Protein backbone atom coordinates (compact mmCIF):
# COMPACT_ATOMS: atom_id res chain seq x y z
CA MET A 1 0.00 0.00 0.00
CA LEU A 2 1.15 3.53 -0.79
CA PHE A 3 0.44 5.32 2.49
CA HIS A 4 1.99 8.72 1.88
CA ARG A 5 2.27 10.81 -1.25
CA GLU A 6 3.14 14.42 -1.90
CA GLN A 7 3.20 15.69 -5.47
CA ILE A 8 3.74 18.83 -7.51
CA ARG A 9 3.36 19.35 -11.25
CA ILE A 10 5.61 21.88 -12.95
CA ASP A 11 6.57 22.59 -16.54
CA GLY A 12 6.81 19.10 -18.06
CA PHE A 13 7.54 17.33 -14.77
CA ARG A 14 5.51 15.53 -12.11
CA ILE A 15 7.56 15.27 -8.93
CA SER A 16 6.37 12.98 -6.12
CA LEU A 17 7.48 11.95 -2.66
CA LYS A 18 6.17 8.46 -1.89
CA VAL A 19 6.32 6.08 1.05
CA PHE A 20 5.42 2.41 0.47
CA GLU A 21 4.63 -0.05 3.23
CA ALA A 22 6.41 -3.39 3.65
CA GLY A 23 5.53 -6.04 1.10
CA HIS A 24 3.42 -3.73 -1.06
CA GLU A 25 3.22 -4.80 -4.70
CA LEU A 26 2.81 -2.32 -7.52
CA SER A 27 1.38 -3.00 -10.97
CA TRP A 28 0.87 -0.21 -13.49
CA LYS A 29 -2.39 0.92 -15.03
CA GLY A 30 -3.19 3.44 -17.75
CA HIS A 31 -0.63 5.57 -19.58
CA ILE A 32 2.80 5.38 -17.95
CA LEU A 33 5.25 8.27 -18.24
CA ALA A 34 9.02 8.02 -18.38
CA ARG A 35 10.30 8.42 -14.81
CA LEU A 36 13.39 8.57 -12.65
CA CYS A 37 13.15 7.16 -9.14
CA VAL A 38 15.56 8.05 -6.33
CA LEU A 39 15.49 5.46 -3.54
CA PHE A 40 16.11 7.08 -0.14
CA ASP A 41 15.40 4.17 2.18
CA GLY A 42 14.22 0.55 2.18
CA GLY A 43 14.32 -1.49 -1.00
CA MET A 44 12.36 -3.08 -3.80
CA SER A 45 12.54 -5.95 -6.26
CA GLU A 46 11.54 -5.68 -9.90
CA THR A 47 10.30 -8.30 -12.32
CA GLY A 48 10.16 -7.22 -15.96
CA LEU A 49 10.84 -8.28 -19.52
CA LYS A 50 14.58 -8.51 -18.85
CA GLY A 51 14.28 -10.59 -15.67
CA LYS A 52 14.62 -9.62 -12.02
CA ALA A 53 16.52 -6.85 -10.27
CA GLU A 54 16.95 -5.74 -6.67
CA TYR A 55 17.33 -2.10 -5.63
CA VAL A 56 18.57 -0.52 -2.40
CA PRO A 57 19.81 3.01 -1.58
CA PRO A 58 21.58 4.84 -3.15
CA ASP A 59 20.14 3.28 -6.32
CA VAL A 60 18.58 5.52 -8.95
CA ILE A 61 16.28 3.82 -11.45
CA TYR A 62 15.13 5.18 -14.80
CA LYS A 63 12.30 3.68 -16.88
CA PRO A 64 11.10 4.95 -20.27
CA ALA A 65 7.43 5.57 -21.03
CA GLU A 66 5.20 2.48 -20.93
CA ASP A 67 7.85 0.33 -19.23
CA ARG A 68 5.75 -1.60 -16.69
CA PRO A 69 7.81 -3.80 -14.37
CA HIS A 70 6.12 -5.47 -11.43
CA LEU A 71 7.48 -4.06 -8.16
CA ARG A 72 7.52 -5.56 -4.69
CA PHE A 73 8.77 -3.52 -1.75
CA SER A 74 11.03 -4.94 0.95
CA LYS A 75 10.16 -5.72 4.56
CA GLU A 76 11.33 -2.19 5.42
CA GLY A 77 9.05 -0.65 2.78
CA ALA A 78 10.57 2.20 0.77
CA ARG A 79 10.81 5.98 0.58
CA THR A 80 11.30 7.48 -2.85
CA LEU A 81 11.34 10.64 -4.90
CA THR A 82 10.09 10.20 -8.47
CA VAL A 83 10.43 12.60 -11.38
CA GLU A 84 8.02 11.78 -14.21
CA LEU A 85 8.62 13.26 -17.67
CA GLU A 86 5.63 14.43 -19.66
CA LEU A 87 5.85 13.86 -23.41
CA ALA A 88 7.03 17.34 -24.41
CA ARG A 89 9.76 17.34 -21.76
CA ALA A 90 10.90 13.83 -22.76
CA MET A 91 11.11 14.91 -26.42
CA MET A 92 13.16 17.96 -25.44
CA LEU A 93 15.61 15.80 -23.51
CA ARG A 94 15.84 13.33 -26.40
CA GLN A 95 16.72 16.19 -28.74
CA ALA A 96 19.41 17.27 -26.28
CA GLY A 97 20.98 13.81 -26.51
CA PHE A 98 19.52 12.10 -23.45
CA PRO A 99 18.82 8.38 -24.14
CA VAL A 100 15.28 8.61 -22.75
CA ASP A 101 14.15 5.38 -24.47
CA ARG A 102 16.65 3.19 -22.61
CA PRO A 103 16.13 1.98 -19.03
CA PHE A 104 19.03 1.97 -16.59
CA SER A 105 19.92 1.98 -12.93
CA LYS A 106 23.01 3.20 -11.11
CA ARG A 107 24.29 3.81 -7.60
CA SER A 108 24.74 7.50 -6.98
CA GLY A 109 25.10 9.32 -3.71
CA LEU A 110 25.25 12.57 -5.68
CA CYS A 111 21.79 11.84 -7.10
CA ILE A 112 20.58 11.13 -3.58
CA GLY A 113 21.88 14.56 -2.57
CA LEU A 114 19.95 16.24 -5.39
CA GLY A 115 16.88 14.23 -4.44
CA LEU A 116 17.21 15.44 -0.85
CA ARG A 117 17.36 19.05 -2.03
CA MET A 118 14.13 18.44 -3.97
CA TYR A 119 12.60 16.75 -0.91
CA ARG A 120 13.43 19.76 1.26
CA GLU A 121 12.01 22.15 -1.34
CA LEU A 122 8.77 20.18 -1.58
CA ARG A 123 8.34 20.17 2.18
CA GLN A 124 9.08 23.91 2.54
CA ARG A 125 7.29 25.41 -0.45
CA ASP A 126 7.08 29.07 -1.37
CA GLU A 127 6.34 31.00 -4.55
CA ILE A 128 9.81 30.18 -5.98
CA THR A 129 9.50 26.42 -5.40
CA PRO A 130 8.36 25.52 -8.97
CA LEU A 131 11.35 27.35 -10.47
CA VAL A 132 13.79 25.77 -8.01
CA LEU A 133 12.36 22.29 -8.57
CA GLU A 134 12.55 22.58 -12.34
CA GLY A 135 16.24 23.43 -12.12
CA LEU A 136 16.91 20.64 -9.62
CA ALA A 137 14.97 18.12 -11.73
CA LEU A 138 17.10 18.93 -14.77
CA GLU A 139 20.27 18.74 -12.67
CA LEU A 140 19.17 15.38 -11.26
CA LEU A 141 18.44 14.01 -14.73
CA GLY A 142 21.79 15.26 -15.97
CA GLU A 143 23.61 13.57 -13.09
CA ALA A 144 21.63 10.35 -13.47
CA PHE A 145 22.21 10.14 -17.21
CA ARG A 146 25.89 11.01 -16.81
CA SER A 147 27.85 7.88 -17.69
CA ASP A 148 31.39 6.77 -17.13
CA GLY A 149 31.54 6.24 -20.86
CA LYS A 150 33.09 8.33 -23.57
CA VAL A 151 32.33 11.87 -24.52
CA CYS A 152 34.58 11.44 -27.53
CA LYS A 153 33.08 9.05 -30.09
CA ARG A 154 36.45 7.35 -30.56
CA ASN A 155 37.61 4.84 -27.97
CA PRO A 156 40.32 6.24 -25.70
CA PRO A 157 43.84 4.98 -26.35
CA LYS A 158 44.95 2.04 -24.25
CA TRP A 159 47.23 4.15 -22.05
CA LEU A 160 44.37 6.56 -21.22
CA ALA A 161 41.96 3.72 -20.43
CA GLU A 162 44.60 2.34 -18.07
CA VAL A 163 44.93 5.74 -16.35
CA LYS A 164 41.18 5.82 -15.83
CA THR A 165 41.22 2.31 -14.38
CA ARG A 166 43.99 3.35 -12.03
CA ILE A 167 41.99 6.37 -10.87
CA HIS A 168 39.01 4.14 -10.03
CA ASP A 169 41.30 1.75 -8.14
CA GLU A 170 43.29 4.41 -6.28
CA PHE A 171 41.10 7.51 -5.97
CA THR A 172 41.34 7.45 -2.16
CA ARG A 173 45.15 7.72 -2.39
CA ARG A 174 47.31 10.73 -3.22
CA LEU A 175 47.11 10.66 -7.02
CA THR A 176 48.77 13.37 -9.08
CA LEU A 177 48.46 14.20 -12.74
CA THR A 178 52.25 14.20 -13.10
CA ASN A 179 52.67 10.77 -11.52
CA CYS A 180 49.91 9.23 -13.65
CA ALA A 181 51.39 10.82 -16.76
CA GLN A 182 54.85 9.44 -15.95
CA SER A 183 53.42 5.95 -15.44
CA ALA A 184 51.58 6.20 -18.76
CA GLY A 185 54.66 7.52 -20.57
CA VAL A 186 53.04 10.78 -21.72
CA HIS A 187 53.42 14.47 -20.91
CA PRO A 188 51.08 15.77 -18.15
CA ILE A 189 49.60 18.35 -20.53
CA HIS A 190 48.80 15.61 -23.03
CA LEU A 191 47.14 13.54 -20.30
CA ALA A 192 45.07 16.49 -19.09
CA GLN A 193 43.89 17.38 -22.59
CA SER A 194 43.17 13.77 -23.61
CA PHE A 195 41.28 13.07 -20.37
CA ARG A 196 38.91 15.99 -20.89
CA ILE A 197 38.39 15.17 -24.59
CA HIS A 198 37.49 11.53 -23.95
CA PHE A 199 35.76 11.71 -20.56
CA GLY A 200 34.32 15.24 -20.52
CA ASP A 201 35.89 16.21 -17.20
CA SER A 202 39.17 17.42 -15.78
CA PHE A 203 41.49 14.92 -14.10
CA GLY A 204 41.19 16.57 -10.69
CA HIS A 205 37.43 17.07 -10.80
CA TYR A 206 36.95 13.43 -11.80
CA VAL A 207 38.96 12.24 -8.78
CA ARG A 208 36.99 14.55 -6.48
CA ARG A 209 33.67 13.25 -7.84
CA LEU A 210 34.71 9.66 -7.10
CA ARG A 211 35.67 10.63 -3.54
CA ILE A 212 32.40 12.45 -2.92
CA GLU A 213 30.41 9.56 -4.40
CA PHE A 214 32.25 7.10 -2.13
CA ALA A 215 31.74 9.33 0.93
CA SER A 216 28.03 9.82 0.26
CA ARG A 217 27.51 6.06 0.13
CA GLN A 218 29.46 5.66 3.37
CA ILE A 219 27.22 8.23 5.05
CA LEU A 220 24.15 6.41 3.74
CA GLU A 221 25.23 2.83 4.41
CA THR A 222 27.35 3.05 7.60
CA LYS A 223 27.44 4.72 11.00
CA HIS A 224 31.11 5.68 10.69
CA THR A 225 32.07 9.09 11.98
CA LEU A 226 32.45 11.89 9.45
CA ALA A 227 36.15 12.15 10.35
CA ASP A 228 36.66 8.46 9.55
CA ILE A 229 34.73 8.79 6.29
CA ALA A 230 36.79 11.81 5.28
CA LEU A 231 40.03 9.89 5.76
CA ALA A 232 38.71 6.76 4.05
CA ALA A 233 37.64 8.83 1.03
CA GLY A 234 41.12 10.32 0.69
CA PHE A 235 40.58 13.83 2.05
CA SER A 236 43.39 15.39 4.06
CA ASP A 237 41.10 16.42 6.92
CA GLN A 238 37.42 16.71 7.86
CA SER A 239 37.15 20.43 7.09
CA HIS A 240 38.45 19.90 3.54
CA PHE A 241 35.99 17.04 3.15
CA CYS A 242 33.07 19.14 4.42
CA ARG A 243 33.84 22.00 2.02
CA ALA A 244 34.13 19.70 -0.99
CA PHE A 245 31.02 17.71 -0.03
CA LYS A 246 28.87 20.82 0.38
CA LEU A 247 30.12 22.24 -2.92
CA ALA A 248 29.15 19.00 -4.70
CA THR A 249 25.82 18.22 -2.98
CA GLY A 250 24.56 21.48 -1.49
CA PHE A 251 24.67 19.98 2.03
CA SER A 252 27.27 19.52 4.70
CA PRO A 253 27.92 15.82 5.44
CA ARG A 254 26.05 16.20 8.74
CA GLN A 255 23.02 17.78 7.05
CA TYR A 256 23.09 15.03 4.42
CA ARG A 257 22.98 12.33 7.08
CA CYS A 258 20.22 14.07 9.04
CA LEU A 259 18.05 14.65 5.98
CA LEU A 260 18.35 11.03 4.94
CA ALA A 261 17.10 10.04 8.38
CA GLN A 262 14.10 12.38 8.01
CA ALA A 263 13.20 11.81 4.34
């Protein structure tokens, strides 16, 4: 049973906060819009044309229009924020290059952070709320559709793919552009330029994003202290971590943890 729902409709979007009770099953009726679901708490299982899938926080799930999986919510129930795309908005995003006809799911603490900002805006509405929510919805979709794939249509050279793999393996350590360039046998300037061309981001910003993503999941999934999480994520100290986290998510780590408990 869906026992709580709060919804707002703005230009091309329907944004809903939903709470589902334990064991509730959901089957779809009528016309179904494309939608992106941010899972704050609990979990759910899905049975669809491509088999079964299990989702837990910080999973973000996207389904195109008329995709109708059968959902069953866990023994803890679930709390979600859903952004539905009306036809005109979906067409606009398709024209902008978003693959709106392809379902996907990913784990993203950064998306959870954007979802929490939308949650707070919905619960504390004023006359600017529709404008704020439209911007946040677009930012959330952009972050959700962001892939680790290639911005450049050509595959990256082997040495650059190996640098990227190293970053994912060692992002909590003290990586430097110069050291990675030396290991790859290229000039640091060449690495910096090639990284942005192929992956659409700077070397340093990419490392920071991985650290923030790791930290946000630690805040969500563990009870570790913020100081311990900062060190585990590779930040030099807690104050540096807090500044970077707030810049990326809009919340301090403490606010992020508190809002997740309240959502």
